[in-house]
Protein backbone atom coordinates (compact mmCIF):
# COMPACT_ATOMS: atom_id res chain seq x y z
CA MET A 1 -0.05 0.03 -0.03
CA SER A 2 1.37 3.42 -0.95
CA PRO A 3 2.27 5.74 2.00
CA VAL A 4 -0.46 8.20 0.99
CA ASP A 5 -3.09 5.49 1.01
CA THR A 6 -1.72 4.17 4.40
CA ALA A 7 -2.22 7.66 5.81
CA TRP A 8 -5.82 7.60 4.87
CA LEU A 9 -6.28 4.08 6.20
CA ARG A 10 -4.90 5.06 9.53
CA MET A 11 -6.97 8.32 9.72
CA ASP A 12 -10.19 6.68 10.88
CA ARG A 13 -11.82 7.94 14.05
CA PRO A 14 -15.19 7.11 15.63
CA THR A 15 -16.42 10.56 14.97
CA ASN A 16 -14.93 10.90 11.48
CA LEU A 17 -14.67 7.70 9.39
CA MET A 18 -12.50 7.93 6.30
CA MET A 19 -15.36 6.84 3.98
CA ILE A 20 -16.51 8.48 0.73
CA VAL A 21 -20.30 8.24 1.00
CA GLY A 22 -22.63 8.58 -1.95
CA VAL A 23 -26.31 8.51 -2.65
CA LEU A 24 -27.64 7.49 -6.02
CA VAL A 25 -31.39 7.99 -6.94
CA PHE A 26 -32.89 6.15 -9.86
CA LYS A 27 -36.14 6.83 -11.78
CA GLN A 28 -37.08 3.11 -12.16
CA ARG A 29 -36.99 0.28 -9.73
CA MET A 30 -33.79 -1.57 -9.92
CA ASP A 31 -33.48 -5.24 -10.95
CA PHE A 32 -31.43 -6.51 -8.04
CA GLU A 33 -29.97 -9.61 -9.84
CA ARG A 34 -29.00 -7.46 -12.88
CA LEU A 35 -27.40 -4.92 -10.47
CA ARG A 36 -25.58 -7.73 -8.64
CA ASN A 37 -24.08 -9.14 -11.88
CA THR A 38 -23.07 -5.64 -13.01
CA ILE A 39 -21.17 -4.81 -9.84
CA GLU A 40 -19.62 -8.26 -9.66
CA ALA A 41 -18.35 -7.97 -13.22
CA ARG A 42 -17.42 -4.37 -13.67
CA LEU A 43 -16.38 -3.53 -10.10
CA ALA A 44 -15.03 -6.65 -8.34
CA GLY A 45 -14.10 -8.26 -11.67
CA ARG A 46 -12.36 -5.16 -13.11
CA TYR A 47 -10.58 -3.72 -10.06
CA ARG A 48 -8.66 -6.20 -7.86
CA ARG A 49 -8.60 -3.69 -5.10
CA PHE A 50 -12.24 -4.29 -4.40
CA ARG A 51 -11.58 -7.94 -3.75
CA GLN A 52 -8.66 -7.18 -1.26
CA CYS A 53 -8.50 -6.44 2.45
CA ALA A 54 -6.38 -3.69 3.97
CA VAL A 55 -3.88 -5.33 6.34
CA GLU A 56 -2.09 -2.99 8.76
CA GLU A 57 0.73 -3.85 11.17
CA VAL A 58 3.46 -1.84 12.92
CA ALA A 59 5.76 -2.28 9.91
CA GLY A 60 3.18 -0.84 7.46
CA ALA A 61 0.12 -1.73 5.52
CA TRP A 62 -0.55 -3.66 2.35
CA TRP A 63 -3.43 -5.08 0.24
CA GLN A 64 -4.15 -8.82 0.55
CA ASP A 65 -6.60 -10.88 -1.52
CA ASP A 66 -9.67 -11.92 0.38
CA PRO A 67 -9.78 -15.80 -0.02
CA ASP A 68 -13.43 -15.79 1.05
CA PHE A 69 -14.55 -12.79 -1.09
CA ASP A 70 -18.31 -12.83 -1.59
CA ILE A 71 -20.20 -10.08 -3.44
CA ASP A 72 -23.20 -10.68 -1.28
CA ALA A 73 -21.33 -9.30 1.74
CA HIS A 74 -20.90 -5.96 -0.03
CA LEU A 75 -24.29 -5.52 -1.83
CA LYS A 76 -27.23 -5.55 0.54
CA ARG A 77 -30.92 -4.90 0.24
CA ARG A 78 -32.45 -2.44 2.58
CA ALA A 79 -36.01 -1.01 3.05
CA LEU A 80 -37.31 2.33 4.17
CA PRO A 81 -40.71 2.68 5.91
CA SER A 82 -43.67 2.66 3.57
CA GLY A 83 -44.19 6.03 2.01
CA ALA A 84 -40.66 7.18 2.89
CA GLY A 85 -39.14 10.11 0.89
CA LYS A 86 -36.15 12.40 0.74
CA LYS A 87 -36.13 13.07 4.45
CA GLU A 88 -35.95 9.39 5.36
CA LEU A 89 -33.21 8.67 2.72
CA GLN A 90 -31.18 11.53 4.06
CA LYS A 91 -31.57 10.16 7.56
CA LEU A 92 -30.42 6.64 6.47
CA ALA A 93 -27.34 8.20 4.69
CA GLY A 94 -26.41 9.94 7.80
CA GLU A 95 -26.72 6.86 9.90
CA LEU A 96 -24.58 4.77 7.42
CA ALA A 97 -21.90 7.47 7.34
CA VAL A 98 -20.87 6.70 10.96
CA GLN A 99 -21.16 2.89 10.63
CA PRO A 100 -17.66 1.39 10.10
CA LEU A 101 -16.94 -0.91 7.27
CA ASN A 102 -15.97 -4.53 8.26
CA PRO A 103 -12.17 -4.34 8.59
CA GLY A 104 -11.74 -7.98 7.85
CA LYS A 105 -13.34 -7.57 4.39
CA PRO A 106 -12.65 -5.34 1.33
CA LEU A 107 -13.53 -1.84 2.53
CA TRP A 108 -16.66 -1.02 0.53
CA ARG A 109 -20.44 -1.60 0.68
CA PHE A 110 -23.54 -0.67 -1.51
CA ASP A 111 -26.97 -0.58 0.18
CA LEU A 112 -29.86 -0.73 -2.29
CA ILE A 113 -33.34 0.59 -1.36
CA GLU A 114 -35.39 -1.16 -4.11
CA ASP A 115 -38.63 0.91 -3.59
CA TYR A 116 -38.00 4.62 -3.25
CA GLU A 117 -40.46 7.12 -4.53
CA GLY A 118 -41.46 4.85 -7.37
CA GLY A 119 -37.85 4.14 -8.28
CA SER A 120 -34.74 3.01 -6.28
CA ALA A 121 -31.95 4.52 -4.34
CA MET A 122 -28.50 3.27 -3.31
CA VAL A 123 -26.18 4.39 -0.57
CA VAL A 124 -22.43 3.86 -1.60
CA ARG A 125 -19.63 3.66 0.96
CA ILE A 126 -15.94 3.22 -0.12
CA HIS A 127 -12.97 3.75 2.15
CA HIS A 128 -10.66 6.63 1.09
CA SER A 129 -7.62 4.32 1.23
CA ILE A 130 -8.89 2.63 -1.92
CA ALA A 131 -9.06 5.72 -4.06
CA ASP A 132 -9.72 9.51 -4.11
CA GLY A 133 -12.93 11.09 -5.29
CA ILE A 134 -11.81 11.64 -8.98
CA ALA A 135 -10.77 7.98 -9.32
CA LEU A 136 -14.00 6.74 -7.74
CA VAL A 137 -16.18 8.94 -10.02
CA GLY A 138 -14.47 6.95 -12.88
CA VAL A 139 -15.18 3.64 -11.02
CA ILE A 140 -18.83 4.43 -10.62
CA LEU A 141 -19.10 5.61 -14.23
CA SER A 142 -17.65 2.34 -15.35
CA LEU A 143 -20.66 0.57 -13.91
CA THR A 144 -23.06 2.49 -16.00
CA ASP A 145 -24.34 2.56 -19.66
CA LEU A 146 -25.45 5.34 -21.92
CA SER A 147 -28.61 3.56 -22.83
CA PRO A 148 -31.26 1.57 -20.90
CA GLN A 149 -31.27 -0.89 -23.80
CA ALA A 150 -27.65 -1.93 -23.04
CA PRO A 151 -27.33 -5.64 -22.77
CA ALA A 152 -27.54 -6.98 -19.22
CA GLN A 153 -24.15 -7.86 -17.70
CA LYS A 154 -23.48 -11.58 -17.62
CA HIS A 155 -21.96 -13.21 -14.60
CA VAL A 156 -18.19 -13.44 -14.82
CA THR A 157 -15.23 -14.76 -12.87
CA PRO A 158 -13.04 -12.10 -11.53
CA GLU A 159 -9.69 -11.72 -13.18
CA PRO A 160 -6.63 -12.49 -10.91
CA GLU A 161 -4.29 -9.88 -12.48
CA ASP A 162 -3.71 -6.64 -10.64
CA THR A 163 -4.33 -3.94 -13.26
CA ASP A 164 -4.30 -1.03 -10.69
CA ALA A 165 -0.98 -1.46 -8.98
CA ASP A 166 0.08 1.68 -7.19
CA ASP A 167 3.11 3.63 -8.63
CA VAL A 168 3.45 6.38 -5.95
CA PRO A 169 6.92 7.27 -4.74
CA VAL A 170 7.58 6.54 -1.12
CA GLY A 171 9.56 9.48 0.09
CA LEU A 172 8.66 13.14 0.71
CA LEU A 173 11.09 14.51 -1.89
CA GLU A 174 10.16 11.96 -4.53
CA THR A 175 6.45 12.59 -3.95
CA LEU A 176 6.88 16.32 -4.33
CA ALA A 177 8.88 15.80 -7.55
CA ASP A 178 6.36 13.40 -8.94
CA THR A 179 3.27 15.39 -8.03
CA LEU A 180 4.41 18.90 -9.01
CA THR A 181 4.22 17.89 -12.64
CA SER A 182 0.33 17.98 -12.42
CA ALA A 183 -0.17 20.71 -9.72
CA LEU A 184 -1.46 23.19 -12.16
CA ASP A 185 -1.90 23.93 -15.91
CA ALA A 186 1.25 23.92 -17.93
CA GLY A 187 0.65 27.59 -18.75
CA SER A 188 0.80 28.67 -15.13
CA ASP A 189 3.92 29.85 -13.35
CA LEU A 190 3.99 26.79 -11.05
CA GLY A 191 3.13 24.53 -14.00
CA SER A 192 6.28 25.55 -15.88
CA LYS A 193 8.42 25.10 -12.72
CA ALA A 194 6.84 21.80 -12.29
CA TYR A 195 7.79 20.74 -15.84
CA ASP A 196 11.38 21.71 -15.19
CA LEU A 197 11.34 19.70 -11.99
CA ALA A 198 9.87 16.58 -13.63
CA SER A 199 12.16 16.70 -16.70
CA ASP A 200 15.40 17.14 -14.76
CA ARG A 201 17.30 13.88 -14.25
CA ASP A 202 18.79 15.21 -11.10
CA ARG A 203 15.58 15.65 -9.32
CA LEU A 204 17.04 16.47 -5.91
CA ALA A 205 19.12 19.33 -7.39
CA THR A 206 15.98 20.68 -9.09
CA TYR A 207 14.08 20.20 -5.89
CA GLY A 208 16.71 22.42 -4.24
CA ARG A 209 15.87 25.23 -6.63
CA HIS A 210 12.22 24.94 -5.59
CA GLY A 211 13.01 24.36 -1.87
CA ILE A 212 12.59 28.05 -0.91
CA GLY A 213 9.13 28.04 -2.30
CA LEU A 214 8.18 24.79 -0.77
CA LEU A 215 9.65 25.61 2.58
CA THR A 216 8.02 28.99 2.50
CA GLU A 217 4.62 27.34 1.87
CA LEU A 218 5.22 24.83 4.65
CA ALA A 219 6.04 27.69 7.07
CA LYS A 220 2.98 29.53 6.08
CA LEU A 221 0.81 26.41 6.44
CA LEU A 222 2.12 25.69 9.94
CA ALA A 223 1.92 29.29 11.07
CA MET A 224 -1.62 29.82 9.66
CA PRO A 225 -3.89 30.67 12.54
CA PRO A 226 -7.17 28.88 12.98
CA ASP A 227 -10.08 30.51 11.08
CA SER A 228 -12.84 32.48 12.81
CA ALA A 229 -14.35 30.97 16.00
CA THR A 230 -17.87 30.09 14.90
CA SER A 231 -20.41 27.46 15.63
CA LEU A 232 -18.77 25.32 12.89
CA LYS A 233 -15.86 24.62 15.23
CA GLY A 234 -15.66 22.33 18.20
CA LYS A 235 -15.53 18.57 19.08
CA THR A 236 -17.14 16.18 16.62
CA SER A 237 -19.68 13.51 17.67
CA THR A 238 -20.79 10.17 16.14
CA THR A 239 -24.07 11.60 14.80
CA LYS A 240 -24.13 12.94 11.21
CA ARG A 241 -26.79 14.75 9.19
CA VAL A 242 -27.10 14.72 5.37
CA ALA A 243 -29.02 17.03 3.03
CA TRP A 244 -28.96 18.01 -0.53
CA SER A 245 -30.51 20.69 -2.68
CA ASP A 246 -32.51 20.70 -5.88
CA PRO A 247 -30.28 20.83 -8.99
CA ILE A 248 -29.26 24.15 -10.59
CA PRO A 249 -28.98 24.27 -14.38
CA LEU A 250 -25.29 24.18 -15.28
CA GLY A 251 -25.84 26.35 -18.29
CA GLU A 252 -27.05 29.19 -16.14
CA VAL A 253 -23.97 28.88 -13.91
CA LYS A 254 -21.66 29.00 -17.06
CA ALA A 255 -23.52 32.03 -18.50
CA LEU A 256 -23.10 33.88 -15.22
CA GLY A 257 -19.52 33.02 -14.89
CA LYS A 258 -18.83 34.10 -18.58
CA ALA A 259 -20.53 37.44 -18.06
CA LEU A 260 -18.66 38.21 -14.90
CA GLY A 261 -15.24 36.87 -16.03
CA CYS A 262 -15.23 34.15 -13.40
CA SER A 263 -14.95 30.34 -13.55
CA VAL A 264 -17.86 28.10 -12.75
CA ASN A 265 -15.88 27.07 -9.58
CA ASP A 266 -15.65 30.68 -8.50
CA ILE A 267 -19.48 31.18 -8.79
CA LEU A 268 -20.21 27.92 -6.96
CA LEU A 269 -17.78 28.49 -4.08
CA SER A 270 -19.14 32.08 -3.73
CA ALA A 271 -22.62 30.66 -3.45
CA VAL A 272 -21.43 28.42 -0.68
CA ALA A 273 -19.98 31.36 1.14
CA GLY A 274 -23.18 33.26 0.78
CA ALA A 275 -25.31 30.34 2.00
CA LEU A 276 -23.17 29.91 5.10
CA ARG A 277 -23.33 33.66 5.76
CA ALA A 278 -27.17 33.57 5.49
CA TYR A 279 -27.37 30.48 7.77
CA PHE A 280 -25.28 32.28 10.48
CA GLN A 281 -27.58 35.35 10.16
CA GLN A 282 -30.66 33.21 10.59
CA LYS A 283 -29.21 31.71 13.80
CA GLY A 284 -28.39 35.09 15.11
CA GLU A 285 -24.64 34.48 14.85
CA THR A 286 -22.36 37.42 13.90
CA VAL A 287 -20.74 37.51 10.44
CA HIS A 288 -18.66 40.58 11.28
CA GLU A 289 -15.09 39.95 10.22
CA VAL A 290 -15.91 36.19 9.83
CA GLU A 291 -13.80 34.07 7.60
CA VAL A 292 -14.56 30.35 7.40
CA ARG A 293 -11.55 28.37 5.99
CA ALA A 294 -12.21 25.42 3.67
CA MET A 295 -9.87 22.57 2.83
CA ILE A 296 -10.22 21.98 -0.91
CA PRO A 297 -8.93 18.85 -2.57
CA VAL A 298 -6.85 19.61 -5.69
CA ASN A 299 -6.50 16.88 -8.36
CA LEU A 300 -2.90 16.03 -9.10
CA ARG A 301 -3.53 13.10 -11.47
CA THR A 302 -1.60 12.95 -14.72
CA ALA A 303 -2.50 11.14 -18.04
CA ARG A 304 -0.49 8.06 -16.76
CA ASP A 305 -2.71 7.90 -13.71
CA GLU A 306 -5.88 7.32 -15.87
CA GLY A 307 -7.77 4.18 -14.80
CA THR A 308 -5.75 3.70 -11.59
CA LEU A 309 -6.89 3.80 -8.08
CA GLY A 310 -5.08 5.16 -5.07
CA ASN A 311 -4.95 8.80 -3.95
CA ARG A 312 -3.28 11.46 -6.13
CA PHE A 313 -4.53 14.79 -4.70
CA GLY A 314 -3.25 17.56 -2.49
CA LEU A 315 -5.13 19.96 -0.35
CA GLY A 316 -5.44 23.74 -0.61
CA THR A 317 -6.89 26.22 1.87
CA LEU A 318 -9.50 28.84 0.86
CA SER A 319 -10.85 31.39 3.21
CA LEU A 320 -14.55 32.16 2.52
CA PRO A 321 -15.32 35.83 3.19
CA LEU A 322 -18.60 35.50 5.13
CA HIS A 323 -18.27 39.01 6.27
CA GLU A 324 -18.91 40.34 2.75
CA GLY A 325 -22.60 40.87 2.18
CA ASN A 326 -22.38 42.11 -1.34
CA PRO A 327 -22.57 39.01 -3.56
CA PHE A 328 -20.40 40.42 -6.37
CA ALA A 329 -17.78 41.76 -4.08
CA ARG A 330 -17.73 38.32 -2.36
CA LEU A 331 -17.43 36.59 -5.68
CA PHE A 332 -14.47 38.67 -6.79
CA LEU A 333 -12.79 38.02 -3.45
CA VAL A 334 -13.29 34.28 -3.95
CA ARG A 335 -11.87 34.54 -7.54
CA SER A 336 -8.75 36.34 -6.31
CA ARG A 337 -8.11 33.82 -3.57
CA MET A 338 -8.64 30.85 -5.85
CA ASN A 339 -6.22 32.38 -8.41
CA GLU A 340 -3.60 32.62 -5.68
CA LEU A 341 -4.26 29.00 -4.70
CA LYS A 342 -3.88 27.83 -8.22
CA ASN A 343 -0.32 29.16 -8.30
CA SER A 344 0.64 27.84 -4.87
CA TYR A 345 2.89 24.98 -3.82
CA GLN A 346 0.35 24.06 -1.20
CA PRO A 347 -1.48 21.16 -2.95
CA PRO A 348 1.64 19.12 -3.99
CA LEU A 349 3.24 19.94 -0.62
CA THR A 350 0.26 18.50 1.36
CA LEU A 351 0.38 15.32 -0.91
CA GLY A 352 4.02 14.99 0.01
CA ILE A 353 3.31 15.51 3.68
CA LEU A 354 0.64 12.74 3.51
CA ALA A 355 3.33 10.46 1.99
CA ALA A 356 5.71 11.35 4.77
CA VAL A 357 3.40 10.80 7.61
CA GLY A 358 2.12 7.61 5.93
CA ILE A 359 5.46 6.03 6.82
CA ALA A 360 5.81 7.63 10.26
CA PRO A 361 4.45 6.20 13.51
CA LYS A 362 0.69 6.53 13.67
CA ILE A 363 0.70 8.84 16.67
CA ILE A 364 2.95 11.32 14.81
CA GLN A 365 0.63 11.23 11.83
CA GLN A 366 -2.40 11.89 14.02
CA GLN A 367 -0.77 14.86 15.80
CA PHE A 368 0.46 16.42 12.62
CA LEU A 369 -2.92 16.07 10.82
CA ASP A 370 -4.71 17.40 13.81
CA ILE A 371 -2.67 20.57 13.57
CA LEU A 372 -3.74 21.03 9.83
CA ALA A 373 -7.37 20.09 10.46
CA ALA A 374 -7.61 22.71 13.31
CA LYS A 375 -6.92 25.47 10.77
CA ALA A 376 -10.15 24.79 8.84
CA SER A 377 -13.93 24.42 9.56
CA THR A 378 -15.04 22.50 6.44
CA VAL A 379 -13.95 20.37 3.55
CA MET A 380 -15.32 21.33 0.12
CA THR A 381 -15.19 19.34 -3.07
CA ASN A 382 -16.24 20.27 -6.68
CA VAL A 383 -16.22 17.31 -9.07
CA PRO A 384 -17.36 17.53 -12.72
CA GLY A 385 -19.44 14.59 -13.71
CA PRO A 386 -20.89 13.42 -17.09
CA LYS A 387 -22.99 15.72 -19.09
CA GLN A 388 -25.48 13.12 -20.29
CA PRO A 389 -27.97 10.78 -18.43
CA LEU A 390 -26.58 7.46 -17.41
CA TYR A 391 -28.14 4.09 -16.69
CA LEU A 392 -27.17 1.45 -14.09
CA ALA A 393 -28.45 -2.02 -14.70
CA GLY A 394 -31.12 -0.52 -17.02
CA SER A 395 -32.40 2.18 -14.61
CA ARG A 396 -31.79 5.81 -15.35
CA LEU A 397 -29.62 7.61 -12.76
CA ASP A 398 -31.67 10.75 -11.71
CA GLN A 399 -29.57 12.34 -9.01
CA CYS A 400 -26.15 11.55 -7.52
CA MET A 401 -24.65 13.08 -4.42
CA PHE A 402 -21.41 12.29 -2.47
CA TRP A 403 -19.48 13.47 0.51
CA VAL A 404 -15.85 13.07 1.22
CA PRO A 405 -14.62 12.48 4.80
CA GLN A 406 -13.51 15.15 7.24
CA SER A 407 -10.37 14.64 9.19
CA GLY A 408 -9.68 15.61 12.87
CA ASP A 409 -12.50 17.68 14.29
CA ILE A 410 -13.82 19.20 11.02
CA GLY A 411 -17.51 18.50 11.06
CA ILE A 412 -18.79 20.09 7.80
CA GLY A 413 -18.49 18.56 4.32
CA VAL A 414 -19.75 20.49 1.22
CA SER A 415 -19.98 18.60 -2.05
CA ILE A 416 -20.64 20.11 -5.52
CA LEU A 417 -21.19 17.60 -8.24
CA SER A 418 -22.28 18.32 -11.90
CA TYR A 419 -24.34 15.65 -13.76
CA ASN A 420 -26.56 15.76 -16.78
CA ASP A 421 -26.10 19.52 -17.23
CA ASN A 422 -27.17 20.21 -13.66
CA VAL A 423 -25.18 21.12 -10.51
CA GLN A 424 -25.95 19.41 -7.15
CA PHE A 425 -24.99 20.87 -3.76
CA SER A 426 -25.02 18.54 -0.81
CA LEU A 427 -23.97 18.74 2.80
CA ILE A 428 -22.91 16.38 5.48
CA THR A 429 -22.67 17.83 8.99
CA ASP A 430 -21.92 16.94 12.50
CA ARG A 431 -24.92 17.27 14.78
CA HIS A 432 -22.89 19.35 17.24
CA PHE A 433 -22.22 21.99 14.61
CA VAL A 434 -25.12 21.93 12.19
CA PRO A 435 -28.12 19.90 13.35
CA ASP A 436 -30.35 21.18 10.49
CA PRO A 437 -28.36 21.10 7.19
CA GLU A 438 -31.65 21.03 5.26
CA THR A 439 -32.01 24.68 6.17
CA ILE A 440 -28.72 25.49 4.41
CA THR A 441 -29.20 23.67 1.14
CA PRO A 442 -31.91 25.96 -0.25
CA LEU A 443 -29.70 28.97 0.30
CA PHE A 444 -27.19 27.86 -2.32
CA ALA A 445 -29.77 28.43 -5.08
CA ALA A 446 -30.91 31.60 -3.41
CA GLU A 447 -27.43 33.08 -3.47
CA PHE A 448 -27.07 32.00 -7.16
CA ASP A 449 -30.42 33.63 -7.95
CA LYS A 450 -29.28 36.89 -6.26
CA MET A 451 -26.28 37.16 -8.58
CA MET A 452 -28.21 36.27 -11.70
CA LEU A 453 -31.01 38.79 -10.92
CA ALA A 454 -28.46 41.54 -10.22
CA LEU A 455 -26.70 40.86 -13.39
CA LEU A 456 -29.96 41.18 -15.48
CA MET A 457 -30.53 44.69 -13.99
CA LEU A 458 -27.06 46.02 -14.93
CA GLU A 459 -25.88 47.67 -18.10
CA TRP A 460 -23.93 44.83 -19.73
CA ASP A 461 -21.66 47.08 -21.78
CA LYS A 462 -19.88 48.29 -18.62
CA PRO A 463 -17.70 46.48 -16.01
CA VAL A 464 -19.73 45.11 -13.11
CA ASP A 465 -19.70 47.51 -10.23
CA PRO A 466 -20.61 45.52 -7.03
CA ALA A 467 -21.88 48.58 -5.18
CA LEU A 468 -24.13 49.72 -8.07
CA ALA A 469 -25.65 46.16 -8.37
CA GLU A 470 -26.47 46.18 -4.67
CA GLN A 471 -27.97 49.63 -4.88
CA LEU A 472 -30.10 48.92 -7.92
CA LEU A 473 -31.49 45.73 -6.43
CA PHE A 474 -31.81 46.40 -2.69
CA GLY A 475 -30.93 50.01 -2.04
CA THR A 476 -28.52 49.98 0.91
CA GLN A 477 -29.94 46.85 2.52
CA MET A 478 -29.42 43.33 1.25
CA PRO A 479 -32.65 41.21 1.45
CA SER A 480 -32.95 37.84 3.11
CA PRO A 481 -31.42 35.13 0.82
CA LEU A 482 -34.67 33.12 1.37
CA ALA A 483 -36.57 36.01 -0.18
CA ALA A 484 -34.19 35.95 -3.14
CA GLY A 485 -34.60 32.23 -3.35
CA LYS A 486 -38.44 32.56 -3.86
CA THR A 487 -37.64 34.17 -7.30
CA ARG A 488 -36.21 31.03 -8.85
CA ASN A 489 -39.56 30.25 -10.81
CA ARG A 490 -40.49 33.93 -11.24
CA LYS A 491 -40.77 34.42 -15.01
CA PRO A 492 -42.47 37.90 -14.80
CA ALA A 493 -39.87 39.28 -12.36
CA ALA A 494 -37.03 37.91 -14.54
CA THR A 495 -38.64 39.59 -17.67
CA ALA A 496 -38.90 42.88 -15.83
CA ALA A 497 -35.31 42.75 -14.78
CA ARG A 498 -34.26 41.97 -18.32
CA ASN A 499 -36.29 44.87 -19.70
CA THR A 500 -34.62 47.25 -17.12
CA ALA A 501 -31.19 46.38 -18.28
CA LYS A 502 -29.59 47.65 -21.48
CA PRO A 503 -28.04 44.38 -22.66
CA ARG A 504 -25.31 44.19 -25.21
CA LYS A 505 -26.49 40.59 -25.67
CA PRO A 506 -27.77 37.99 -23.26
CA PRO A 507 -25.12 35.69 -21.83
CA SER A 508 -24.98 32.35 -23.65
CA LYS A 509 -25.77 29.15 -21.96
CA ALA A 510 -23.14 27.44 -23.95
């Protein structure tokens, strides 16, 4: 087992299990036998890791074939009460998120609810030591088809060959040298430095030339103070809550981003910041000078990693400016901070740190990672999914949500996933911090609507002025985000806003 995967294996705590948890919702009822054959052939048969147990001893950890592997130990039927809906499914997902996987078996399990709102649903749990979120999206996609008419999967005997062997360097320096190559785009400043580092035969000498930047980043990371003391910080419990929003059309997000000169990611992260700000205000908690720091996974996979499992990502820190009430001013702050993160050594550095602590004594790993976890209040992920609808065992996948684990005493996980030209926000929270995440999820769309409506009222042939947008819409006082959210299906209001503006041309949904 690679040192990075070992670090994730040893990171489990009763209050924060290192499982990636997903919920899949299907329009039609699932044929259990067809699903069983599909998972057995395309998951257990294709990826040897899903037939292996994680063995950990003082000397290290490794993967070992399970001689008694049985697909029926990992795919279970489960029923919700008659007439159960979204609320009950969310409750079940929260309960399963704190139930440990059997350590004596391969570390994954699927729970199928065959009758859910006329269709089916499935809760997926996979330990993070097997793979990161990007790899697991590929794994789940490999189970699906583009058409419901795809032939049913026949029963197969799993192949013995290991096609996903890890190829991760074992040392800190080697890991840094290997991962810097994919830290950022080749056109970025760090990307060009990474290329030099990767192409130099004397990697340690090249590492020395980058050492100042890396050591500076490490010093900044260790010296970084905790973020604002809010209700999102404290000691975690063994009770989790799960909630997800209604999807937002991805075309609208792209159009807004194009009009404002921001990325889709900037728009979505800003909406998260606005939603948390609104939640604090509803609870009577101050937002004055409040910054909530998020740990953001950064994909460091290269082309040669395609189709492999394991963990190939680093972590970056992003401070969400909850103190900023103006939605455009907040967006531009998020954009500026994300651009800074993109040119930072932080993501490859944290991957190197995980590799280093993965071969250190467990107590040292725990102490060091606790130091890092104390600097943030949430983990946020944004993963692009397929643009077209998919089918699993002949049933159409209608919605998909997932949550990555939180380490230490971080108790909030925010997940953004695009699928079938929609964007899905979802939350997993510790009961001690946010007992009612279902009150936050509607605020994501409300914040997005606020920006969209403001943009429609501006003169599009001029640069966006956040102060003017605020004045045109709300005078000097911003409205409740819930009030803004009520305008999502407001065609007359949207038309009026469009007529008020002097558009150069409407933003494209392309």
